[in-house]
mmCIF file of all heavy atoms, coordinates in Angstrom:
data_MODEL
# 
_entry.id   MODEL 
# 
loop_
_atom_site.group_PDB 
_atom_site.id 
_atom_site.type_symbol 
_atom_site.label_atom_id 
_atom_site.label_alt_id 
_atom_site.label_comp_id 
_atom_site.label_asym_id 
_atom_site.label_entity_id 
_atom_site.label_seq_id 
_atom_site.pdbx_PDB_ins_code 
_atom_site.Cartn_x 
_atom_site.Cartn_y 
_atom_site.Cartn_z 
_atom_site.occupancy 
_atom_site.B_iso_or_equiv 
_atom_site.pdbx_formal_charge 
_atom_site.auth_seq_id 
_atom_site.auth_comp_id 
_atom_site.auth_asym_id 
_atom_site.auth_atom_id 
_atom_site.pdbx_PDB_model_num 
ATOM 1   N N   . LYS A 1 1  ? 1.580   -3.611 1.797   1.00 0.00 ? 1  LYS A N   1 
ATOM 2   C CA  . LYS A 1 1  ? 0.498   -4.497 1.317   1.00 0.00 ? 1  LYS A CA  1 
ATOM 3   C C   . LYS A 1 1  ? -0.296  -5.100 2.493   1.00 0.00 ? 1  LYS A C   1 
ATOM 4   O O   . LYS A 1 1  ? -1.520  -5.165 2.485   1.00 0.00 ? 1  LYS A O   1 
ATOM 5   C CB  . LYS A 1 1  ? 1.054   -5.572 0.404   1.00 0.00 ? 1  LYS A CB  1 
ATOM 6   C CG  . LYS A 1 1  ? 1.726   -5.015 -0.838  1.00 0.00 ? 1  LYS A CG  1 
ATOM 7   C CD  . LYS A 1 1  ? 2.497   -6.080 -1.588  1.00 0.00 ? 1  LYS A CD  1 
ATOM 8   C CE  . LYS A 1 1  ? 3.343   -5.494 -2.697  1.00 0.00 ? 1  LYS A CE  1 
ATOM 9   N NZ  . LYS A 1 1  ? 4.168   -6.491 -3.399  1.00 0.00 ? 1  LYS A NZ  1 
ATOM 10  N N   . MET A 1 2  ? 0.446   -5.573 3.507   1.00 0.00 ? 2  MET A N   1 
ATOM 11  C CA  . MET A 1 2  ? -0.195  -6.168 4.635   1.00 0.00 ? 2  MET A CA  1 
ATOM 12  C C   . MET A 1 2  ? -0.996  -5.165 5.439   1.00 0.00 ? 2  MET A C   1 
ATOM 13  O O   . MET A 1 2  ? -2.117  -5.471 5.908   1.00 0.00 ? 2  MET A O   1 
ATOM 14  C CB  . MET A 1 2  ? 0.853   -6.830 5.545   1.00 0.00 ? 2  MET A CB  1 
ATOM 15  C CG  . MET A 1 2  ? 0.254   -7.866 6.529   1.00 0.00 ? 2  MET A CG  1 
ATOM 16  S SD  . MET A 1 2  ? -0.394  -9.310 5.677   1.00 0.00 ? 2  MET A SD  1 
ATOM 17  C CE  . MET A 1 2  ? -2.031  -9.361 6.374   1.00 0.00 ? 2  MET A CE  1 
ATOM 18  N N   . GLN A 1 3  ? -0.469  -3.979 5.560   1.00 0.00 ? 3  GLN A N   1 
ATOM 19  C CA  . GLN A 1 3  ? -1.198  -2.917 6.262   1.00 0.00 ? 3  GLN A CA  1 
ATOM 20  C C   . GLN A 1 3  ? -2.479  -2.539 5.512   1.00 0.00 ? 3  GLN A C   1 
ATOM 21  O O   . GLN A 1 3  ? -3.518  -2.263 6.097   1.00 0.00 ? 3  GLN A O   1 
ATOM 22  C CB  . GLN A 1 3  ? -0.310  -1.690 6.410   1.00 0.00 ? 3  GLN A CB  1 
ATOM 23  C CG  . GLN A 1 3  ? -0.897  -0.583 7.294   1.00 0.00 ? 3  GLN A CG  1 
ATOM 24  C CD  . GLN A 1 3  ? 0.079   0.526  7.571   1.00 0.00 ? 3  GLN A CD  1 
ATOM 25  O OE1 . GLN A 1 3  ? 0.932   0.859  6.727   1.00 0.00 ? 3  GLN A OE1 1 
ATOM 26  N NE2 . GLN A 1 3  ? -0.006  1.120  8.749   1.00 0.00 ? 3  GLN A NE2 1 
ATOM 27  N N   . ALA A 1 4  ? -2.410  -2.532 4.175   1.00 0.00 ? 4  ALA A N   1 
ATOM 28  C CA  . ALA A 1 4  ? -3.552  -2.248 3.355   1.00 0.00 ? 4  ALA A CA  1 
ATOM 29  C C   . ALA A 1 4  ? -4.656  -3.289 3.531   1.00 0.00 ? 4  ALA A C   1 
ATOM 30  O O   . ALA A 1 4  ? -5.854  -2.927 3.633   1.00 0.00 ? 4  ALA A O   1 
ATOM 31  C CB  . ALA A 1 4  ? -3.148  -2.178 1.902   1.00 0.00 ? 4  ALA A CB  1 
ATOM 32  N N   . VAL A 1 5  ? -4.290  -4.543 3.643   1.00 0.00 ? 5  VAL A N   1 
ATOM 33  C CA  . VAL A 1 5  ? -5.259  -5.617 3.892   1.00 0.00 ? 5  VAL A CA  1 
ATOM 34  C C   . VAL A 1 5  ? -5.995  -5.351 5.207   1.00 0.00 ? 5  VAL A C   1 
ATOM 35  O O   . VAL A 1 5  ? -7.196  -5.451 5.304   1.00 0.00 ? 5  VAL A O   1 
ATOM 36  C CB  . VAL A 1 5  ? -4.554  -7.015 3.964   1.00 0.00 ? 5  VAL A CB  1 
ATOM 37  C CG1 . VAL A 1 5  ? -5.516  -8.066 4.398   1.00 0.00 ? 5  VAL A CG1 1 
ATOM 38  C CG2 . VAL A 1 5  ? -3.980  -7.326 2.587   1.00 0.00 ? 5  VAL A CG2 1 
ATOM 39  N N   . GLN A 1 6  ? -5.245  -4.959 6.237   1.00 0.00 ? 6  GLN A N   1 
ATOM 40  C CA  . GLN A 1 6  ? -5.843  -4.749 7.535   1.00 0.00 ? 6  GLN A CA  1 
ATOM 41  C C   . GLN A 1 6  ? -6.752  -3.546 7.554   1.00 0.00 ? 6  GLN A C   1 
ATOM 42  O O   . GLN A 1 6  ? -7.701  -3.471 8.371   1.00 0.00 ? 6  GLN A O   1 
ATOM 43  C CB  . GLN A 1 6  ? -4.736  -4.587 8.590   1.00 0.00 ? 6  GLN A CB  1 
ATOM 44  C CG  . GLN A 1 6  ? -3.884  -5.905 8.770   1.00 0.00 ? 6  GLN A CG  1 
ATOM 45  C CD  . GLN A 1 6  ? -2.724  -5.688 9.741   1.00 0.00 ? 6  GLN A CD  1 
ATOM 46  O OE1 . GLN A 1 6  ? -2.506  -4.579 10.228  1.00 0.00 ? 6  GLN A OE1 1 
ATOM 47  N NE2 . GLN A 1 6  ? -2.020  -6.743 10.032  1.00 0.00 ? 6  GLN A NE2 1 
ATOM 48  N N   . GLN A 1 7  ? -6.537  -2.599 6.656   1.00 0.00 ? 7  GLN A N   1 
ATOM 49  C CA  . GLN A 1 7  ? -7.309  -1.353 6.688   1.00 0.00 ? 7  GLN A CA  1 
ATOM 50  C C   . GLN A 1 7  ? -8.473  -1.408 5.708   1.00 0.00 ? 7  GLN A C   1 
ATOM 51  O O   . GLN A 1 7  ? -9.327  -0.517 5.707   1.00 0.00 ? 7  GLN A O   1 
ATOM 52  C CB  . GLN A 1 7  ? -6.407  -0.163 6.305   1.00 0.00 ? 7  GLN A CB  1 
ATOM 53  C CG  . GLN A 1 7  ? -5.360  0.126  7.365   1.00 0.00 ? 7  GLN A CG  1 
ATOM 54  C CD  . GLN A 1 7  ? -4.391  1.245  6.929   1.00 0.00 ? 7  GLN A CD  1 
ATOM 55  O OE1 . GLN A 1 7  ? -4.361  1.610  5.766   1.00 0.00 ? 7  GLN A OE1 1 
ATOM 56  N NE2 . GLN A 1 7  ? -3.590  1.742  7.884   1.00 0.00 ? 7  GLN A NE2 1 
ATOM 57  N N   . LEU A 1 8  ? -8.536  -2.433 4.881   1.00 0.00 ? 8  LEU A N   1 
ATOM 58  C CA  . LEU A 1 8  ? -9.570  -2.503 3.828   1.00 0.00 ? 8  LEU A CA  1 
ATOM 59  C C   . LEU A 1 8  ? -10.932 -2.829 4.442   1.00 0.00 ? 8  LEU A C   1 
ATOM 60  O O   . LEU A 1 8  ? -11.143 -3.900 4.995   1.00 0.00 ? 8  LEU A O   1 
ATOM 61  C CB  . LEU A 1 8  ? -9.185  -3.581 2.806   1.00 0.00 ? 8  LEU A CB  1 
ATOM 62  C CG  . LEU A 1 8  ? -9.692  -3.477 1.374   1.00 0.00 ? 8  LEU A CG  1 
ATOM 63  C CD1 . LEU A 1 8  ? -9.249  -2.172 0.734   1.00 0.00 ? 8  LEU A CD1 1 
ATOM 64  C CD2 . LEU A 1 8  ? -9.275  -4.639 0.522   1.00 0.00 ? 8  LEU A CD2 1 
ATOM 65  N N   . THR A 1 9  ? -11.845 -1.896 4.350   1.00 0.00 ? 9  THR A N   1 
ATOM 66  C CA  . THR A 1 9  ? -13.180 -2.067 4.934   1.00 0.00 ? 9  THR A CA  1 
ATOM 67  C C   . THR A 1 9  ? -14.220 -1.217 4.276   1.00 0.00 ? 9  THR A C   1 
ATOM 68  O O   . THR A 1 9  ? -13.908 -0.153 3.676   1.00 0.00 ? 9  THR A O   1 
ATOM 69  C CB  . THR A 1 9  ? -13.144 -1.706 6.454   1.00 0.00 ? 9  THR A CB  1 
ATOM 70  O OG1 . THR A 1 9  ? -14.450 -1.891 6.989   1.00 0.00 ? 9  THR A OG1 1 
ATOM 71  C CG2 . THR A 1 9  ? -12.687 -0.291 6.685   1.00 0.00 ? 9  THR A CG2 1 
ATOM 72  N N   . ASP A 1 10 ? -15.471 -1.635 4.334   1.00 0.00 ? 10 ASP A N   1 
ATOM 73  C CA  . ASP A 1 10 ? -16.565 -0.864 3.742   1.00 0.00 ? 10 ASP A CA  1 
ATOM 74  C C   . ASP A 1 10 ? -17.138 0.157  4.761   1.00 0.00 ? 10 ASP A C   1 
ATOM 75  O O   . ASP A 1 10 ? -18.037 0.924  4.419   1.00 0.00 ? 10 ASP A O   1 
ATOM 76  C CB  . ASP A 1 10 ? -17.655 -1.779 3.220   1.00 0.00 ? 10 ASP A CB  1 
ATOM 77  C CG  . ASP A 1 10 ? -18.308 -2.605 4.345   1.00 0.00 ? 10 ASP A CG  1 
ATOM 78  O OD1 . ASP A 1 10 ? -17.704 -2.745 5.410   1.00 0.00 ? 10 ASP A OD1 1 
ATOM 79  O OD2 . ASP A 1 10 ? -19.439 -3.132 4.165   1.00 0.00 ? 10 ASP A OD2 1 
ATOM 80  N N   . LYS A 1 11 ? -16.695 0.099  5.983   1.00 0.00 ? 11 LYS A N   1 
ATOM 81  C CA  . LYS A 1 11 ? -17.249 0.976  7.025   1.00 0.00 ? 11 LYS A CA  1 
ATOM 82  C C   . LYS A 1 11 ? -16.845 2.425  6.721   1.00 0.00 ? 11 LYS A C   1 
ATOM 83  O O   . LYS A 1 11 ? -15.620 2.738  6.669   1.00 0.00 ? 11 LYS A O   1 
ATOM 84  C CB  . LYS A 1 11 ? -16.747 0.532  8.410   1.00 0.00 ? 11 LYS A CB  1 
ATOM 85  C CG  . LYS A 1 11 ? -17.327 -0.813 8.849   1.00 0.00 ? 11 LYS A CG  1 
ATOM 86  C CD  . LYS A 1 11 ? -16.808 -1.207 10.228  1.00 0.00 ? 11 LYS A CD  1 
ATOM 87  C CE  . LYS A 1 11 ? -17.356 -2.558 10.622  1.00 0.00 ? 11 LYS A CE  1 
ATOM 88  N NZ  . LYS A 1 11 ? -16.863 -3.005 11.961  1.00 0.00 ? 11 LYS A NZ  1 
ATOM 89  N N   . GLN A 1 12 ? -17.849 3.289  6.564   1.00 0.00 ? 12 GLN A N   1 
ATOM 90  C CA  . GLN A 1 12 ? -17.613 4.698  6.271   1.00 0.00 ? 12 GLN A CA  1 
ATOM 91  C C   . GLN A 1 12 ? -16.700 4.886  5.057   1.00 0.00 ? 12 GLN A C   1 
ATOM 92  O O   . GLN A 1 12 ? -15.903 5.830  5.018   1.00 0.00 ? 12 GLN A O   1 
ATOM 93  C CB  . GLN A 1 12 ? -17.005 5.408  7.494   1.00 0.00 ? 12 GLN A CB  1 
ATOM 94  C CG  . GLN A 1 12 ? -17.972 5.383  8.719   1.00 0.00 ? 12 GLN A CG  1 
ATOM 95  C CD  . GLN A 1 12 ? -17.373 6.136  9.918   1.00 0.00 ? 12 GLN A CD  1 
ATOM 96  O OE1 . GLN A 1 12 ? -16.176 6.256  10.077  1.00 0.00 ? 12 GLN A OE1 1 
ATOM 97  N NE2 . GLN A 1 12 ? -18.264 6.607  10.760  1.00 0.00 ? 12 GLN A NE2 1 
ATOM 98  N N   . TYR A 1 13 ? -16.864 3.972  4.103   1.00 0.00 ? 13 TYR A N   1 
ATOM 99  C CA  . TYR A 1 13 ? -16.000 4.055  2.923   1.00 0.00 ? 13 TYR A CA  1 
ATOM 100 C C   . TYR A 1 13 ? -16.374 5.243  2.056   1.00 0.00 ? 13 TYR A C   1 
ATOM 101 O O   . TYR A 1 13 ? -17.549 5.490  1.759   1.00 0.00 ? 13 TYR A O   1 
ATOM 102 C CB  . TYR A 1 13 ? -16.124 2.784  2.090   1.00 0.00 ? 13 TYR A CB  1 
ATOM 103 C CG  . TYR A 1 13 ? -15.420 2.875  0.745   1.00 0.00 ? 13 TYR A CG  1 
ATOM 104 C CD1 . TYR A 1 13 ? -14.057 3.089  0.646   1.00 0.00 ? 13 TYR A CD1 1 
ATOM 105 C CD2 . TYR A 1 13 ? -16.158 2.733  -0.448  1.00 0.00 ? 13 TYR A CD2 1 
ATOM 106 C CE1 . TYR A 1 13 ? -13.428 3.155  -0.587  1.00 0.00 ? 13 TYR A CE1 1 
ATOM 107 C CE2 . TYR A 1 13 ? -15.539 2.826  -1.702  1.00 0.00 ? 13 TYR A CE2 1 
ATOM 108 C CZ  . TYR A 1 13 ? -14.166 3.034  -1.758  1.00 0.00 ? 13 TYR A CZ  1 
ATOM 109 O OH  . TYR A 1 13 ? -13.557 3.120  -2.957  1.00 0.00 ? 13 TYR A OH  1 
ATOM 110 N N   . HIS A 1 14 ? -15.350 6.037  1.684   1.00 0.00 ? 14 HIS A N   1 
ATOM 111 C CA  . HIS A 1 14 ? -15.587 7.194  0.814   1.00 0.00 ? 14 HIS A CA  1 
ATOM 112 C C   . HIS A 1 14 ? -14.452 7.218  -0.238  1.00 0.00 ? 14 HIS A C   1 
ATOM 113 O O   . HIS A 1 14 ? -13.298 7.424  0.110   1.00 0.00 ? 14 HIS A O   1 
ATOM 114 C CB  . HIS A 1 14 ? -15.559 8.484  1.642   1.00 0.00 ? 14 HIS A CB  1 
ATOM 115 C CG  . HIS A 1 14 ? -15.877 9.722  0.871   1.00 0.00 ? 14 HIS A CG  1 
ATOM 116 N ND1 . HIS A 1 14 ? -17.119 10.016 0.385   1.00 0.00 ? 14 HIS A ND1 1 
ATOM 117 C CD2 . HIS A 1 14 ? -15.050 10.691 0.399   1.00 0.00 ? 14 HIS A CD2 1 
ATOM 118 C CE1 . HIS A 1 14 ? -17.089 11.152 -0.296  1.00 0.00 ? 14 HIS A CE1 1 
ATOM 119 N NE2 . HIS A 1 14 ? -15.838 11.587 -0.335  1.00 0.00 ? 14 HIS A NE2 1 
ATOM 120 N N   . ALA A 1 15 ? -14.818 6.969  -1.483  1.00 0.00 ? 15 ALA A N   1 
ATOM 121 C CA  . ALA A 1 15 ? -13.808 6.930  -2.538  1.00 0.00 ? 15 ALA A CA  1 
ATOM 122 C C   . ALA A 1 15 ? -13.253 8.327  -2.823  1.00 0.00 ? 15 ALA A C   1 
ATOM 123 O O   . ALA A 1 15 ? -13.997 9.321  -2.818  1.00 0.00 ? 15 ALA A O   1 
ATOM 124 C CB  . ALA A 1 15 ? -14.442 6.347  -3.814  1.00 0.00 ? 15 ALA A CB  1 
ATOM 125 N N   . GLN A 1 16 ? -11.964 8.387  -3.061  1.00 0.00 ? 16 GLN A N   1 
ATOM 126 C CA  . GLN A 1 16 ? -11.351 9.643  -3.438  1.00 0.00 ? 16 GLN A CA  1 
ATOM 127 C C   . GLN A 1 16 ? -11.551 9.892  -4.951  1.00 0.00 ? 16 GLN A C   1 
ATOM 128 O O   . GLN A 1 16 ? -11.806 8.927  -5.703  1.00 0.00 ? 16 GLN A O   1 
ATOM 129 C CB  . GLN A 1 16 ? -9.832  9.609  -3.123  1.00 0.00 ? 16 GLN A CB  1 
ATOM 130 C CG  . GLN A 1 16 ? -9.510  9.537  -1.660  1.00 0.00 ? 16 GLN A CG  1 
ATOM 131 C CD  . GLN A 1 16 ? -8.066  9.781  -1.382  1.00 0.00 ? 16 GLN A CD  1 
ATOM 132 O OE1 . GLN A 1 16 ? -7.533  10.828 -1.655  1.00 0.00 ? 16 GLN A OE1 1 
ATOM 133 N NE2 . GLN A 1 16 ? -7.375  8.794  -0.798  1.00 0.00 ? 16 GLN A NE2 1 
ATOM 134 N N   . PRO A 1 17 ? -11.450 11.160 -5.381  1.00 0.00 ? 17 PRO A N   1 
ATOM 135 C CA  . PRO A 1 17 ? -11.614 11.440 -6.803  1.00 0.00 ? 17 PRO A CA  1 
ATOM 136 C C   . PRO A 1 17 ? -10.562 10.691 -7.660  1.00 0.00 ? 17 PRO A C   1 
ATOM 137 O O   . PRO A 1 17 ? -9.458  10.363 -7.156  1.00 0.00 ? 17 PRO A O   1 
ATOM 138 C CB  . PRO A 1 17 ? -11.411 12.959 -6.902  1.00 0.00 ? 17 PRO A CB  1 
ATOM 139 C CG  . PRO A 1 17 ? -11.669 13.444 -5.510  1.00 0.00 ? 17 PRO A CG  1 
ATOM 140 C CD  . PRO A 1 17 ? -11.251 12.373 -4.587  1.00 0.00 ? 17 PRO A CD  1 
ATOM 141 N N   . LEU A 1 18 ? -10.913 10.416 -8.886  1.00 0.00 ? 18 LEU A N   1 
ATOM 142 C CA  . LEU A 1 18 ? -9.983  9.750  -9.805  1.00 0.00 ? 18 LEU A CA  1 
ATOM 143 C C   . LEU A 1 18 ? -9.007  10.768 -10.422 1.00 0.00 ? 18 LEU A C   1 
ATOM 144 O O   . LEU A 1 18 ? -9.345  11.948 -10.564 1.00 0.00 ? 18 LEU A O   1 
ATOM 145 C CB  . LEU A 1 18 ? -10.802 9.093  -10.926 1.00 0.00 ? 18 LEU A CB  1 
ATOM 146 C CG  . LEU A 1 18 ? -11.938 8.177  -10.440 1.00 0.00 ? 18 LEU A CG  1 
ATOM 147 C CD1 . LEU A 1 18 ? -12.985 7.973  -11.546 1.00 0.00 ? 18 LEU A CD1 1 
ATOM 148 C CD2 . LEU A 1 18 ? -11.395 6.833  -9.950  1.00 0.00 ? 18 LEU A CD2 1 
ATOM 149 N N   . ARG A 1 19 ? -7.851  10.292 -10.784 1.00 0.00 ? 19 ARG A N   1 
ATOM 150 C CA  . ARG A 1 19 ? -6.878  11.128 -11.465 1.00 0.00 ? 19 ARG A CA  1 
ATOM 151 C C   . ARG A 1 19 ? -7.053  10.931 -12.989 1.00 0.00 ? 19 ARG A C   1 
ATOM 152 O O   . ARG A 1 19 ? -6.818  9.825  -13.501 1.00 0.00 ? 19 ARG A O   1 
ATOM 153 C CB  . ARG A 1 19 ? -5.444  10.782 -11.049 1.00 0.00 ? 19 ARG A CB  1 
ATOM 154 C CG  . ARG A 1 19 ? -4.365  11.653 -11.709 1.00 0.00 ? 19 ARG A CG  1 
ATOM 155 C CD  . ARG A 1 19 ? -3.022  11.548 -11.022 1.00 0.00 ? 19 ARG A CD  1 
ATOM 156 N NE  . ARG A 1 19 ? -2.400  10.274 -11.306 1.00 0.00 ? 19 ARG A NE  1 
ATOM 157 C CZ  . ARG A 1 19 ? -1.554  10.031 -12.336 1.00 0.00 ? 19 ARG A CZ  1 
ATOM 158 N NH1 . ARG A 1 19 ? -1.300  10.996 -13.141 1.00 0.00 ? 19 ARG A NH1 1 
ATOM 159 N NH2 . ARG A 1 19 ? -1.004  8.852  -12.480 1.00 0.00 ? 19 ARG A NH2 1 
ATOM 160 N N   . ARG A 1 20 ? -7.451  11.969 -13.680 1.00 0.00 ? 20 ARG A N   1 
ATOM 161 C CA  . ARG A 1 20 ? -7.771  11.857 -15.116 1.00 0.00 ? 20 ARG A CA  1 
ATOM 162 C C   . ARG A 1 20 ? -6.533  12.181 -15.978 1.00 0.00 ? 20 ARG A C   1 
ATOM 163 O O   . ARG A 1 20 ? -5.861  13.200 -15.769 1.00 0.00 ? 20 ARG A O   1 
ATOM 164 C CB  . ARG A 1 20 ? -8.894  12.849 -15.469 1.00 0.00 ? 20 ARG A CB  1 
ATOM 165 C CG  . ARG A 1 20 ? -9.197  12.984 -16.971 1.00 0.00 ? 20 ARG A CG  1 
ATOM 166 C CD  . ARG A 1 20 ? -9.704  11.689 -17.549 1.00 0.00 ? 20 ARG A CD  1 
ATOM 167 N NE  . ARG A 1 20 ? -10.945 11.215 -16.979 1.00 0.00 ? 20 ARG A NE  1 
ATOM 168 C CZ  . ARG A 1 20 ? -12.158 11.588 -17.396 1.00 0.00 ? 20 ARG A CZ  1 
ATOM 169 N NH1 . ARG A 1 20 ? -12.282 12.443 -18.389 1.00 0.00 ? 20 ARG A NH1 1 
ATOM 170 N NH2 . ARG A 1 20 ? -13.253 11.072 -16.859 1.00 0.00 ? 20 ARG A NH2 1 
ATOM 171 N N   . ILE A 1 21 ? -6.225  11.260 -16.889 1.00 0.00 ? 21 ILE A N   1 
ATOM 172 C CA  . ILE A 1 21 ? -5.221  11.475 -17.914 1.00 0.00 ? 21 ILE A CA  1 
ATOM 173 C C   . ILE A 1 21 ? -5.818  11.134 -19.252 1.00 0.00 ? 21 ILE A C   1 
ATOM 174 O O   . ILE A 1 21 ? -6.863  10.455 -19.332 1.00 0.00 ? 21 ILE A O   1 
ATOM 175 C CB  . ILE A 1 21 ? -3.925  10.626 -17.662 1.00 0.00 ? 21 ILE A CB  1 
ATOM 176 C CG1 . ILE A 1 21 ? -4.289  9.139  -17.672 1.00 0.00 ? 21 ILE A CG1 1 
ATOM 177 C CG2 . ILE A 1 21 ? -3.285  11.020 -16.344 1.00 0.00 ? 21 ILE A CG2 1 
ATOM 178 C CD1 . ILE A 1 21 ? -3.036  8.249  -17.630 1.00 0.00 ? 21 ILE A CD1 1 
ATOM 179 N N   . TYR A 1 22 ? -5.206  11.580 -20.325 1.00 0.00 ? 22 TYR A N   1 
ATOM 180 C CA  . TYR A 1 22 ? -5.666  11.283 -21.670 1.00 0.00 ? 22 TYR A CA  1 
ATOM 181 C C   . TYR A 1 22 ? -4.538  10.591 -22.476 1.00 0.00 ? 22 TYR A C   1 
ATOM 182 O O   . TYR A 1 22 ? -3.419  11.051 -22.491 1.00 0.00 ? 22 TYR A O   1 
ATOM 183 C CB  . TYR A 1 22 ? -6.138  12.564 -22.366 1.00 0.00 ? 22 TYR A CB  1 
ATOM 184 C CG  . TYR A 1 22 ? -7.375  13.144 -21.795 1.00 0.00 ? 22 TYR A CG  1 
ATOM 185 C CD1 . TYR A 1 22 ? -7.315  14.017 -20.690 1.00 0.00 ? 22 TYR A CD1 1 
ATOM 186 C CD2 . TYR A 1 22 ? -8.633  12.813 -22.307 1.00 0.00 ? 22 TYR A CD2 1 
ATOM 187 C CE1 . TYR A 1 22 ? -8.487  14.562 -20.114 1.00 0.00 ? 22 TYR A CE1 1 
ATOM 188 C CE2 . TYR A 1 22 ? -9.794  13.336 -21.722 1.00 0.00 ? 22 TYR A CE2 1 
ATOM 189 C CZ  . TYR A 1 22 ? -9.711  14.207 -20.647 1.00 0.00 ? 22 TYR A CZ  1 
ATOM 190 O OH  . TYR A 1 22 ? -10.848 14.731 -20.118 1.00 0.00 ? 22 TYR A OH  1 
ATOM 191 N N   . ILE A 1 23 ? -4.888  9.473  -23.093 1.00 0.00 ? 23 ILE A N   1 
ATOM 192 C CA  . ILE A 1 23 ? -3.913  8.756  -23.894 1.00 0.00 ? 23 ILE A CA  1 
ATOM 193 C C   . ILE A 1 23 ? -4.397  8.677  -25.351 1.00 0.00 ? 23 ILE A C   1 
ATOM 194 O O   . ILE A 1 23 ? -5.603  8.652  -25.603 1.00 0.00 ? 23 ILE A O   1 
ATOM 195 C CB  . ILE A 1 23 ? -3.648  7.322  -23.334 1.00 0.00 ? 23 ILE A CB  1 
ATOM 196 C CG1 . ILE A 1 23 ? -4.961  6.502  -23.402 1.00 0.00 ? 23 ILE A CG1 1 
ATOM 197 C CG2 . ILE A 1 23 ? -3.127  7.385  -21.904 1.00 0.00 ? 23 ILE A CG2 1 
ATOM 198 C CD1 . ILE A 1 23 ? -4.753  5.027  -23.022 1.00 0.00 ? 23 ILE A CD1 1 
ATOM 199 N N   . PRO A 1 24 ? -3.461  8.698  -26.311 1.00 0.00 ? 24 PRO A N   1 
ATOM 200 C CA  . PRO A 1 24 ? -3.854  8.644  -27.720 1.00 0.00 ? 24 PRO A CA  1 
ATOM 201 C C   . PRO A 1 24 ? -4.563  7.359  -28.077 1.00 0.00 ? 24 PRO A C   1 
ATOM 202 O O   . PRO A 1 24 ? -4.238  6.282  -27.590 1.00 0.00 ? 24 PRO A O   1 
ATOM 203 C CB  . PRO A 1 24 ? -2.510  8.752  -28.486 1.00 0.00 ? 24 PRO A CB  1 
ATOM 204 C CG  . PRO A 1 24 ? -1.545  9.263  -27.474 1.00 0.00 ? 24 PRO A CG  1 
ATOM 205 C CD  . PRO A 1 24 ? -2.019  8.775  -26.116 1.00 0.00 ? 24 PRO A CD  1 
ATOM 206 N N   . LYS A 1 25 ? -5.577  7.434  -28.937 1.00 0.00 ? 25 LYS A N   1 
ATOM 207 C CA  . LYS A 1 25 ? -6.233  6.291  -29.525 1.00 0.00 ? 25 LYS A CA  1 
ATOM 208 C C   . LYS A 1 25 ? -5.454  5.853  -30.750 1.00 0.00 ? 25 LYS A C   1 
ATOM 209 O O   . LYS A 1 25 ? -5.170  6.687  -31.618 1.00 0.00 ? 25 LYS A O   1 
ATOM 210 C CB  . LYS A 1 25 ? -7.682  6.584  -29.891 1.00 0.00 ? 25 LYS A CB  1 
ATOM 211 C CG  . LYS A 1 25 ? -8.604  6.822  -28.710 1.00 0.00 ? 25 LYS A CG  1 
ATOM 212 C CD  . LYS A 1 25 ? -10.057 6.981  -29.195 1.00 0.00 ? 25 LYS A CD  1 
ATOM 213 C CE  . LYS A 1 25 ? -10.979 7.163  -27.992 1.00 0.00 ? 25 LYS A CE  1 
ATOM 214 N NZ  . LYS A 1 25 ? -12.380 7.351  -28.452 1.00 0.00 ? 25 LYS A NZ  1 
# 
C-alpha cells in the first residue's frame, strides 16, 4: 500500500484494460 502511494501519479498515466465479468440481475 505504501509503495502504491509513492507510485501514484498522473505523469504518463495509461489505464490498463478492464476485466469484464457478468453477474446475474
